[in-house]
Amino acid sequence: MASQTKSALADRKMFGRAIKDSFIKLNPKIQKENPVMLMVYISAIATTILWLISLFGVKDAPSGFTLAIAVILWFTVLFANFAEAIAEGRGKAQADSLRASKHDVEAHKIPSADKKDCITAVPSATLRKGDIVIVKAGEQIPADGEALEGAASVDESAITGESAPVIRESGGDRSAVTGGTTVLSDWIVVQVTNDPGESFLDKMIAMVEGAARKKTPNEIALQIFLSRK
């Protein structure tokens, strides 16, 4: 119940921000990034000007008709901005969720797989490619890596969304582990395979934050047409 309330509040907050961004995106510098909506935007401005002129008696059509066209065009522009802002908001929310699952933890570094008792506690942010750590039940895997020894049940729901735990063990196709996941039972010795900033979570966050909305065929065609003029 609490999670549903929190989700509803987050959605309301996102919608409120999207409405605000819909008007911010009326900036011509932003509108020019979308050729199709730029044409609608210019048409909305031109139609509004024609409506204002018609109020002084200079008109080819009833003022009410011109106003209706202007309202429709402005609504189209604002709705397109709103839809884009919602998509961006969801992307930011996904990035924030991934970032929340990525935090510095205490890693239990060992010299080698044969010296599991010689443990040195270090921050996970200091781990480098090639370092070896041991992760026991209830502990979070501090970095991406390969299982060198042992087998463990791992909760990867923070990364994949799948609630069922998976088995990670040395050798075979199930040896890869991801930083930010949690060992539920047993233990596993992991060799770090990525330097800081190159982890799976880092790449996912960068991909989500840098994702751009795909252009429609009409937008692509219009952009090609405008570039040839």
C-alpha atoms as a PDB file:
ATOM      1  CA  MET A   1       0.000   0.000   0.000  1.00  0.00           C
ATOM      2  CA  ALA A   2       2.824   2.372   0.897  1.00  0.00           C
ATOM      3  CA  SER A   3       4.658   1.582  -2.337  1.00  0.00           C
ATOM      4  CA  GLN A   4       1.496   2.260  -4.360  1.00  0.00           C
ATOM      5  CA  THR A   5       1.061   5.631  -2.635  1.00  0.00           C
ATOM      6  CA  LYS A   6       4.705   6.482  -3.288  1.00  0.00           C
ATOM      7  CA  SER A   7       4.330   5.486  -6.946  1.00  0.00           C
ATOM      8  CA  ALA A   8       1.198   7.616  -7.319  1.00  0.00           C
ATOM      9  CA  LEU A   9       2.958  10.621  -5.802  1.00  0.00           C
ATOM     10  CA  ALA A  10       5.932  10.100  -8.124  1.00  0.00           C
ATOM     11  CA  ASP A  11       3.581   9.918 -11.124  1.00  0.00           C
ATOM     12  CA  ARG A  12       1.803  13.133 -10.097  1.00  0.00           C
ATOM     13  CA  LYS A  13       5.145  14.841  -9.646  1.00  0.00           C
ATOM     14  CA  MET A  14       6.299  13.641 -13.059  1.00  0.00           C
ATOM     15  CA  PHE A  15       3.072  14.811 -14.732  1.00  0.00           C
ATOM     16  CA  GLY A  16       3.365  18.208 -13.044  1.00  0.00           C
ATOM     17  CA  ARG A  17       6.946  18.559 -14.259  1.00  0.00           C
ATOM     18  CA  ALA A  18       5.906  17.444 -17.750  1.00  0.00           C
ATOM     19  CA  ILE A  19       3.198  20.128 -17.922  1.00  0.00           C
ATOM     20  CA  LYS A  20       5.743  22.758 -16.912  1.00  0.00           C
ATOM     21  CA  ASP A  21       8.260  21.437 -19.461  1.00  0.00           C
ATOM     22  CA  SER A  22       5.572  21.547 -22.175  1.00  0.00           C
ATOM     23  CA  PHE A  23       5.664  25.348 -22.000  1.00  0.00           C
ATOM     24  CA  ILE A  24       9.436  25.549 -21.527  1.00  0.00           C
ATOM     25  CA  LYS A  25       9.846  23.552 -24.746  1.00  0.00           C
ATOM     26  CA  LEU A  26       8.066  26.345 -26.653  1.00  0.00           C
ATOM     27  CA  ASN A  27      11.502  27.937 -26.863  1.00  0.00           C
ATOM     28  CA  PRO A  28      12.332  28.152 -30.614  1.00  0.00           C
ATOM     29  CA  LYS A  29      15.814  26.715 -29.934  1.00  0.00           C
ATOM     30  CA  ILE A  30      14.175  23.553 -28.630  1.00  0.00           C
ATOM     31  CA  GLN A  31      11.415  23.422 -31.242  1.00  0.00           C
ATOM     32  CA  LYS A  32      13.873  23.521 -34.141  1.00  0.00           C
ATOM     33  CA  GLU A  33      15.185  20.113 -33.076  1.00  0.00           C
ATOM     34  CA  ASN A  34      11.939  18.590 -34.369  1.00  0.00           C
ATOM     35  CA  PRO A  35      11.280  19.750 -37.964  1.00  0.00           C
ATOM     36  CA  VAL A  36       7.667  18.543 -38.096  1.00  0.00           C
ATOM     37  CA  MET A  37       6.602  20.207 -34.859  1.00  0.00           C
ATOM     38  CA  LEU A  38       8.601  23.300 -35.819  1.00  0.00           C
ATOM     39  CA  MET A  39       6.330  23.731 -38.841  1.00  0.00           C
ATOM     40  CA  VAL A  40       3.234  23.334 -36.622  1.00  0.00           C
ATOM     41  CA  TYR A  41       4.768  25.779 -34.139  1.00  0.00           C
ATOM     42  CA  ILE A  42       5.361  28.392 -36.853  1.00  0.00           C
ATOM     43  CA  SER A  43       1.849  27.823 -38.212  1.00  0.00           C
ATOM     44  CA  ALA A  44       0.404  28.342 -34.720  1.00  0.00           C
ATOM     45  CA  ILE A  45       2.247  31.651 -34.387  1.00  0.00           C
ATOM     46  CA  ALA A  46       1.184  32.798 -37.863  1.00  0.00           C
ATOM     47  CA  THR A  47      -2.452  31.825 -37.277  1.00  0.00           C
ATOM     48  CA  THR A  48      -2.473  33.651 -33.937  1.00  0.00           C
ATOM     49  CA  ILE A  49      -1.153  36.776 -35.632  1.00  0.00           C
ATOM     50  CA  LEU A  50      -3.853  36.481 -38.320  1.00  0.00           C
ATOM     51  CA  TRP A  51      -6.496  36.196 -35.582  1.00  0.00           C
ATOM     52  CA  LEU A  52      -5.197  39.337 -33.850  1.00  0.00           C
ATOM     53  CA  ILE A  53      -5.238  41.209 -37.165  1.00  0.00           C
ATOM     54  CA  SER A  54      -8.799  40.001 -37.836  1.00  0.00           C
ATOM     55  CA  LEU A  55      -9.935  41.723 -34.628  1.00  0.00           C
ATOM     56  CA  PHE A  56      -9.243  45.031 -36.379  1.00  0.00           C
ATOM     57  CA  GLY A  57     -11.429  44.127 -39.343  1.00  0.00           C
ATOM     58  CA  VAL A  58      -8.726  42.819 -41.690  1.00  0.00           C
ATOM     59  CA  LYS A  59      -9.808  39.249 -42.360  1.00  0.00           C
ATOM     60  CA  ASP A  60     -10.672  36.717 -45.023  1.00  0.00           C
ATOM     61  CA  ALA A  61     -12.511  34.405 -42.611  1.00  0.00           C
ATOM     62  CA  PRO A  62     -14.539  34.819 -39.413  1.00  0.00           C
ATOM     63  CA  SER A  63     -12.347  35.616 -36.394  1.00  0.00           C
ATOM     64  CA  GLY A  64     -13.859  32.690 -34.487  1.00  0.00           C
ATOM     65  CA  PHE A  65     -12.748  30.242 -37.189  1.00  0.00           C
ATOM     66  CA  THR A  66      -9.200  31.630 -37.209  1.00  0.00           C
ATOM     67  CA  LEU A  67      -9.082  31.447 -33.400  1.00  0.00           C
ATOM     68  CA  ALA A  68     -10.262  27.822 -33.453  1.00  0.00           C
ATOM     69  CA  ILE A  69      -7.473  26.890 -35.889  1.00  0.00           C
ATOM     70  CA  ALA A  70      -4.898  28.677 -33.716  1.00  0.00           C
ATOM     71  CA  VAL A  71      -6.114  26.885 -30.580  1.00  0.00           C
ATOM     72  CA  ILE A  72      -5.908  23.494 -32.305  1.00  0.00           C
ATOM     73  CA  LEU A  73      -2.379  24.191 -33.526  1.00  0.00           C
ATOM     74  CA  TRP A  74      -1.205  25.376 -30.084  1.00  0.00           C
ATOM     75  CA  PHE A  75      -2.823  22.340 -28.466  1.00  0.00           C
ATOM     76  CA  THR A  76      -0.988  20.076 -30.930  1.00  0.00           C
ATOM     77  CA  VAL A  77       2.362  21.694 -30.121  1.00  0.00           C
ATOM     78  CA  LEU A  78       1.790  21.576 -26.360  1.00  0.00           C
ATOM     79  CA  PHE A  79       0.574  17.974 -26.458  1.00  0.00           C
ATOM     80  CA  ALA A  80       3.662  16.925 -28.453  1.00  0.00           C
ATOM     81  CA  ASN A  81       5.867  18.730 -25.925  1.00  0.00           C
ATOM     82  CA  PHE A  82       3.987  17.052 -23.073  1.00  0.00           C
ATOM     83  CA  ALA A  83       4.385  13.571 -24.579  1.00  0.00           C
ATOM     84  CA  GLU A  84       8.114  14.163 -25.096  1.00  0.00           C
ATOM     85  CA  ALA A  85       8.485  15.498 -21.544  1.00  0.00           C
ATOM     86  CA  ILE A  86       6.717  12.406 -20.157  1.00  0.00           C
ATOM     87  CA  ALA A  87       9.095  10.125 -22.076  1.00  0.00           C
ATOM     88  CA  GLU A  88      12.073  12.093 -20.774  1.00  0.00           C
ATOM     89  CA  GLY A  89      10.646  11.971 -17.237  1.00  0.00           C
ATOM     90  CA  ARG A  90      10.299   8.198 -17.362  1.00  0.00           C
ATOM     91  CA  GLY A  91      13.877   7.931 -18.622  1.00  0.00           C
ATOM     92  CA  LYS A  92      15.107  10.090 -15.735  1.00  0.00           C
ATOM     93  CA  ALA A  93      13.112   7.980 -13.284  1.00  0.00           C
ATOM     94  CA  GLN A  94      14.694   4.798 -14.646  1.00  0.00           C
ATOM     95  CA  ALA A  95      18.150   6.343 -14.385  1.00  0.00           C
ATOM     96  CA  ASP A  96      17.441   7.453 -10.807  1.00  0.00           C
ATOM     97  CA  SER A  97      16.272   3.933  -9.929  1.00  0.00           C
ATOM     98  CA  LEU A  98      19.452   2.402 -11.369  1.00  0.00           C
ATOM     99  CA  ARG A  99      21.577   5.016  -9.619  1.00  0.00           C
ATOM    100  CA  ALA A 100      19.870   4.211  -6.308  1.00  0.00           C
ATOM    101  CA  SER A 101      20.933   0.577  -6.625  1.00  0.00           C
ATOM    102  CA  LYS A 102      24.522   1.672  -7.257  1.00  0.00           C
ATOM    103  CA  HIS A 103      26.203   2.809  -4.086  1.00  0.00           C
ATOM    104  CA  ASP A 104      29.544   2.339  -2.422  1.00  0.00           C
ATOM    105  CA  VAL A 105      29.738  -0.735  -0.189  1.00  0.00           C
ATOM    106  CA  GLU A 106      32.438  -2.447   1.820  1.00  0.00           C
ATOM    107  CA  ALA A 107      34.268  -5.017  -0.295  1.00  0.00           C
ATOM    108  CA  HIS A 108      36.199  -7.918   1.187  1.00  0.00           C
ATOM    109  CA  LYS A 109      39.340  -8.032  -0.916  1.00  0.00           C
ATOM    110  CA  ILE A 110      41.624 -11.101  -0.821  1.00  0.00           C
ATOM    111  CA  PRO A 111      45.061 -11.732  -2.376  1.00  0.00           C
ATOM    112  CA  SER A 112      43.915 -14.820  -4.269  1.00  0.00           C
ATOM    113  CA  ALA A 113      41.217 -17.487  -4.318  1.00  0.00           C
ATOM    114  CA  ASP A 114      43.475 -19.708  -2.184  1.00  0.00           C
ATOM    115  CA  LYS A 115      43.764 -17.118   0.603  1.00  0.00           C
ATOM    116  CA  LYS A 116      40.148 -16.532   1.509  1.00  0.00           C
ATOM    117  CA  ASP A 117      41.002 -15.822   5.133  1.00  0.00           C
ATOM    118  CA  CYS A 118      43.312 -12.884   4.354  1.00  0.00           C
ATOM    119  CA  ILE A 119      40.528 -10.357   4.021  1.00  0.00           C
ATOM    120  CA  THR A 120      41.061  -6.615   3.647  1.00  0.00           C
ATOM    121  CA  ALA A 121      37.977  -4.411   3.878  1.00  0.00           C
ATOM    122  CA  VAL A 122      38.062  -1.683   1.201  1.00  0.00           C
ATOM    123  CA  PRO A 123      35.454   0.632  -0.372  1.00  0.00           C
ATOM    124  CA  SER A 124      34.014  -0.872  -3.546  1.00  0.00           C
ATOM    125  CA  ALA A 125      34.881   2.350  -5.420  1.00  0.00           C
ATOM    126  CA  THR A 126      38.587   1.541  -5.016  1.00  0.00           C
ATOM    127  CA  LEU A 127      38.369  -1.848  -6.726  1.00  0.00           C
ATOM    128  CA  ARG A 128      40.160  -2.216 -10.044  1.00  0.00           C
ATOM    129  CA  LYS A 129      40.094  -4.756 -12.853  1.00  0.00           C
ATOM    130  CA  GLY A 130      41.814  -7.934 -11.688  1.00  0.00           C
ATOM    131  CA  ASP A 131      41.129  -7.490  -7.972  1.00  0.00           C
ATOM    132  CA  ILE A 132      39.650 -10.487  -6.167  1.00  0.00           C
ATOM    133  CA  VAL A 133      36.924 -10.312  -3.536  1.00  0.00           C
ATOM    134  CA  ILE A 134      34.914 -12.808  -1.537  1.00  0.00           C
ATOM    135  CA  VAL A 135      31.191 -12.211  -1.097  1.00  0.00           C
ATOM    136  CA  LYS A 136      29.167 -14.099   1.500  1.00  0.00           C
ATOM    137  CA  ALA A 137      25.444 -14.477   2.176  1.00  0.00           C
ATOM    138  CA  GLY A 138      23.704 -11.180   2.846  1.00  0.00           C
ATOM    139  CA  GLU A 139      26.450  -9.110   1.212  1.00  0.00           C
ATOM    140  CA  GLN A 140      26.246  -7.063  -1.966  1.00  0.00           C
ATOM    141  CA  ILE A 141      28.516  -7.901  -4.867  1.00  0.00           C
ATOM    142  CA  PRO A 142      30.734  -4.786  -5.039  1.00  0.00           C
ATOM    143  CA  ALA A 143      31.600  -4.841  -8.757  1.00  0.00           C
ATOM    144  CA  ASP A 144      31.073  -6.670 -12.029  1.00  0.00           C
ATOM    145  CA  GLY A 145      33.157  -9.789 -12.281  1.00  0.00           C
ATOM    146  CA  GLU A 146      33.644 -13.486 -12.929  1.00  0.00           C
ATOM    147  CA  ALA A 147      33.184 -16.207 -10.314  1.00  0.00           C
ATOM    148  CA  LEU A 148      36.504 -17.941  -9.676  1.00  0.00           C
ATOM    149  CA  GLU A 149      35.345 -20.275  -6.933  1.00  0.00           C
ATOM    150  CA  GLY A 150      32.198 -21.234  -5.083  1.00  0.00           C
ATOM    151  CA  ALA A 151      28.512 -21.090  -5.929  1.00  0.00           C
ATOM    152  CA  ALA A 152      25.824 -18.844  -4.566  1.00  0.00           C
ATOM    153  CA  SER A 153      22.189 -17.865  -4.956  1.00  0.00           C
ATOM    154  CA  VAL A 154      22.076 -14.244  -6.119  1.00  0.00           C
ATOM    155  CA  ASP A 155      19.230 -11.737  -6.054  1.00  0.00           C
ATOM    156  CA  GLU A 156      19.432  -9.722  -9.300  1.00  0.00           C
ATOM    157  CA  SER A 157      16.038  -8.035  -9.001  1.00  0.00           C
ATOM    158  CA  ALA A 158      17.643  -4.596  -8.591  1.00  0.00           C
ATOM    159  CA  ILE A 159      19.116  -4.982 -12.084  1.00  0.00           C
ATOM    160  CA  THR A 160      16.786  -7.241 -14.043  1.00  0.00           C
ATOM    161  CA  GLY A 161      13.517  -6.800 -12.142  1.00  0.00           C
ATOM    162  CA  GLU A 162      13.239 -10.585 -11.900  1.00  0.00           C
ATOM    163  CA  SER A 163      12.330 -11.579  -8.343  1.00  0.00           C
ATOM    164  CA  ALA A 164      13.501 -15.184  -8.588  1.00  0.00           C
ATOM    165  CA  PRO A 165      17.139 -15.634  -7.457  1.00  0.00           C
ATOM    166  CA  VAL A 166      19.691 -17.105  -9.852  1.00  0.00           C
ATOM    167  CA  ILE A 167      22.657 -19.398  -9.296  1.00  0.00           C
ATOM    168  CA  ARG A 168      26.121 -18.005 -10.010  1.00  0.00           C
ATOM    169  CA  GLU A 169      29.089 -20.351  -9.942  1.00  0.00           C
ATOM    170  CA  SER A 170      32.601 -20.660 -11.319  1.00  0.00           C
ATOM    171  CA  GLY A 171      32.954 -21.978 -14.859  1.00  0.00           C
ATOM    172  CA  GLY A 172      30.347 -22.223 -17.590  1.00  0.00           C
ATOM    173  CA  ASP A 173      27.762 -19.669 -18.627  1.00  0.00           C
ATOM    174  CA  ARG A 174      26.698 -18.737 -15.087  1.00  0.00           C
ATOM    175  CA  SER A 175      29.976 -17.301 -13.854  1.00  0.00           C
ATOM    176  CA  ALA A 176      29.335 -13.627 -14.640  1.00  0.00           C
ATOM    177  CA  VAL A 177      28.094 -11.488 -11.742  1.00  0.00           C
ATOM    178  CA  THR A 178      26.900  -7.895 -11.680  1.00  0.00           C
ATOM    179  CA  GLY A 179      27.798  -5.237  -9.140  1.00  0.00           C
ATOM    180  CA  GLY A 180      24.831  -4.125  -7.053  1.00  0.00           C
ATOM    181  CA  THR A 181      23.271  -7.591  -6.820  1.00  0.00           C
ATOM    182  CA  THR A 182      23.038  -9.436  -3.501  1.00  0.00           C
ATOM    183  CA  VAL A 183      24.235 -12.896  -2.466  1.00  0.00           C
ATOM    184  CA  LEU A 184      21.408 -14.671  -0.679  1.00  0.00           C
ATOM    185  CA  SER A 185      23.136 -17.882   0.348  1.00  0.00           C
ATOM    186  CA  ASP A 186      26.576 -19.531   0.441  1.00  0.00           C
ATOM    187  CA  TRP A 187      29.612 -17.614  -0.823  1.00  0.00           C
ATOM    188  CA  ILE A 188      31.460 -16.818  -4.012  1.00  0.00           C
ATOM    189  CA  VAL A 189      34.929 -15.589  -4.956  1.00  0.00           C
ATOM    190  CA  VAL A 190      34.794 -12.935  -7.661  1.00  0.00           C
ATOM    191  CA  GLN A 191      37.480 -11.433  -9.877  1.00  0.00           C
ATOM    192  CA  VAL A 192      36.617  -7.860 -10.876  1.00  0.00           C
ATOM    193  CA  THR A 193      36.407  -7.395 -14.648  1.00  0.00           C
ATOM    194  CA  ASN A 194      35.769  -3.631 -14.921  1.00  0.00           C
ATOM    195  CA  ASP A 195      37.387  -0.474 -13.629  1.00  0.00           C
ATOM    196  CA  PRO A 196      35.222   2.169 -11.873  1.00  0.00           C
ATOM    197  CA  GLY A 197      32.849   3.907 -14.275  1.00  0.00           C
ATOM    198  CA  GLU A 198      32.787   0.971 -16.686  1.00  0.00           C
ATOM    199  CA  SER A 199      30.335  -1.297 -14.885  1.00  0.00           C
ATOM    200  CA  PHE A 200      27.073  -2.612 -16.280  1.00  0.00           C
ATOM    201  CA  LEU A 201      25.115  -0.172 -14.102  1.00  0.00           C
ATOM    202  CA  ASP A 202      27.237   2.777 -15.239  1.00  0.00           C
ATOM    203  CA  LYS A 203      26.625   1.871 -18.870  1.00  0.00           C
ATOM    204  CA  MET A 204      22.897   1.382 -18.276  1.00  0.00           C
ATOM    205  CA  ILE A 205      22.584   4.771 -16.554  1.00  0.00           C
ATOM    206  CA  ALA A 206      24.495   6.485 -19.376  1.00  0.00           C
ATOM    207  CA  MET A 207      22.364   4.753 -22.003  1.00  0.00           C
ATOM    208  CA  VAL A 208      19.081   5.696 -20.318  1.00  0.00           C
ATOM    209  CA  GLU A 209      20.143   9.309 -19.747  1.00  0.00           C
ATOM    210  CA  GLY A 210      21.486   9.688 -23.276  1.00  0.00           C
ATOM    211  CA  ALA A 211      18.608   7.934 -25.009  1.00  0.00           C
ATOM    212  CA  ALA A 212      16.934  10.109 -27.638  1.00  0.00           C
ATOM    213  CA  ARG A 213      13.400   9.755 -28.958  1.00  0.00           C
ATOM    214  CA  LYS A 214      13.382   8.013 -32.331  1.00  0.00           C
ATOM    215  CA  LYS A 215      12.211  10.197 -35.186  1.00  0.00           C
ATOM    216  CA  THR A 216       9.126   9.217 -37.158  1.00  0.00           C
ATOM    217  CA  PRO A 217       9.399   8.567 -40.943  1.00  0.00           C
ATOM    218  CA  ASN A 218       7.654  11.905 -41.605  1.00  0.00           C
ATOM    219  CA  GLU A 219      10.208  13.750 -39.460  1.00  0.00           C
ATOM    220  CA  ILE A 220      13.095  12.033 -41.242  1.00  0.00           C
ATOM    221  CA  ALA A 221      11.640  12.795 -44.676  1.00  0.00           C
ATOM    222  CA  LEU A 222      11.015  16.451 -43.790  1.00  0.00           C
ATOM    223  CA  GLN A 223      14.502  16.814 -42.344  1.00  0.00           C
ATOM    224  CA  ILE A 224      16.020  15.403 -45.557  1.00  0.00           C
ATOM    225  CA  PHE A 225      13.840  17.746 -47.614  1.00  0.00           C
ATOM    226  CA  LEU A 226      14.849  20.812 -45.575  1.00  0.00           C
ATOM    227  CA  SER A 227      18.541  19.897 -45.682  1.00  0.00           C
ATOM    228  CA  ARG A 228      18.485  19.779 -49.492  1.00  0.00           C
ATOM    229  CA  LYS A 229      16.991  23.263 -49.863  1.00  0.00           C
END
